């Protein structure tokens, strides 16, 4: 059986390959001359997180002083723990960790 109006397989292959070649040529972008550099943009939210982390990292000396005062209060028996203030600190810590 012969279907009229059909081209030979070779003509079809040439047509298809020709289209594919022109698609490839169109998709190729010219390479820029000169050195290429990568760029990174940091969102405002990420900058705020970096700022908070740097503030947290700056406080170890203050924390060590506070720990030493608490140690001395425990040693002398004058350290009094308030359940409410402890809960407040724990909640603040959990919320801060959730943000960071």
Protein backbone atom coordinates (compact mmCIF):
# COMPACT_ATOMS: atom_id res chain seq x y z
CA UNK A 1 0.00 0.00 0.00
CA UNK A 2 1.31 3.39 -0.97
CA UNK A 3 0.18 6.64 0.60
CA UNK A 4 0.29 9.51 -1.81
CA UNK A 5 1.93 12.74 -0.86
CA UNK A 6 4.48 11.11 1.45
CA UNK A 7 8.16 11.89 1.08
CA UNK A 8 10.87 9.31 1.25
CA UNK A 9 12.43 8.40 4.58
CA UNK A 10 15.66 10.16 3.62
CA UNK A 11 13.86 13.41 2.83
CA UNK A 12 11.99 13.21 6.14
CA UNK A 13 15.23 12.56 8.03
CA UNK A 14 16.91 15.51 6.32
CA UNK A 15 13.95 17.71 7.12
CA UNK A 16 13.90 16.62 10.76
CA UNK A 17 17.67 16.88 11.19
CA UNK A 18 17.67 20.26 9.53
CA UNK A 19 15.04 21.49 11.97
CA UNK A 20 16.96 19.99 14.89
CA UNK A 21 20.20 21.60 13.76
CA UNK A 22 18.56 25.01 13.47
CA UNK A 23 17.03 24.52 16.96
CA UNK A 24 20.46 23.69 18.36
CA UNK A 25 22.02 26.72 16.69
CA UNK A 26 19.29 28.98 18.07
CA UNK A 27 19.64 27.58 21.59
CA UNK A 28 23.40 28.09 21.68
CA UNK A 29 24.25 31.37 23.31
CA UNK A 30 27.46 33.12 22.48
CA UNK A 31 29.97 32.81 25.28
CA UNK A 32 30.85 36.14 26.85
CA UNK A 33 34.41 37.28 26.67
CA UNK A 34 36.35 38.12 29.78
CA UNK A 35 36.29 36.60 33.25
CA UNK A 36 32.97 35.37 34.60
CA UNK A 37 32.02 35.87 38.23
CA UNK A 38 29.28 34.28 40.27
CA UNK A 39 26.98 36.52 42.24
CA UNK A 40 24.98 35.79 45.36
CA UNK A 41 22.17 37.94 46.69
CA UNK A 42 21.20 37.61 50.33
CA UNK A 43 17.64 38.44 51.32
CA UNK A 44 16.83 40.99 54.00
CA UNK A 45 15.55 38.16 56.23
CA UNK A 46 18.86 36.30 55.92
CA UNK A 47 20.78 39.49 56.76
CA UNK A 48 18.68 39.94 59.89
CA UNK A 49 19.39 36.36 60.95
CA UNK A 50 23.13 36.93 60.42
CA UNK A 51 22.95 40.09 62.53
CA UNK A 52 21.15 38.27 65.36
CA UNK A 53 23.65 35.40 65.28
CA UNK A 54 26.57 37.82 65.49
CA UNK A 55 24.95 39.51 68.50
CA UNK A 56 24.47 36.15 70.19
CA UNK A 57 28.11 35.21 69.56
CA UNK A 58 29.34 38.46 71.13
CA UNK A 59 27.86 37.67 74.56
CA UNK A 60 30.00 34.79 75.94
CA UNK A 61 32.07 37.02 78.25
CA UNK A 62 28.93 38.40 79.88
CA UNK A 63 27.54 34.90 80.25
CA UNK A 64 30.71 33.64 81.92
CA UNK A 65 30.59 36.50 84.42
CA UNK A 66 26.97 35.70 85.20
CA UNK A 67 27.73 32.00 85.64
CA UNK A 68 30.51 32.87 88.07
CA UNK A 69 28.14 35.08 90.13
CA UNK A 70 25.59 32.26 90.23
CA UNK A 71 28.27 29.78 91.33
CA UNK A 72 29.29 32.08 94.15
CA UNK A 73 25.65 32.53 95.21
CA UNK A 74 25.14 28.75 95.21
CA UNK A 75 28.33 28.23 97.23
CA UNK A 76 27.24 30.77 99.85
CA UNK A 77 23.64 29.48 99.88
CA UNK A 78 22.11 32.77 98.76
CA UNK A 79 20.99 31.66 95.30
CA UNK A 80 17.20 31.80 95.00
CA UNK A 81 15.50 30.34 91.93
CA UNK A 82 12.24 31.90 90.80
CA UNK A 83 10.06 29.45 88.89
CA UNK A 84 8.44 32.26 86.93
CA UNK A 85 11.72 33.82 85.77
CA UNK A 86 13.10 30.39 84.86
CA UNK A 87 10.01 29.68 82.74
CA UNK A 88 10.30 33.09 81.08
CA UNK A 89 13.92 32.43 80.15
CA UNK A 90 13.12 28.96 78.80
CA UNK A 91 10.27 30.29 76.66
CA UNK A 92 12.45 33.10 75.33
CA UNK A 93 15.19 30.60 74.50
CA UNK A 94 12.78 28.28 72.63
CA UNK A 95 11.32 31.17 70.63
CA UNK A 96 14.78 32.49 69.76
CA UNK A 97 15.90 29.05 68.57
CA UNK A 98 12.76 28.77 66.42
CA UNK A 99 13.64 32.06 64.68
CA UNK A 100 17.28 31.17 64.09
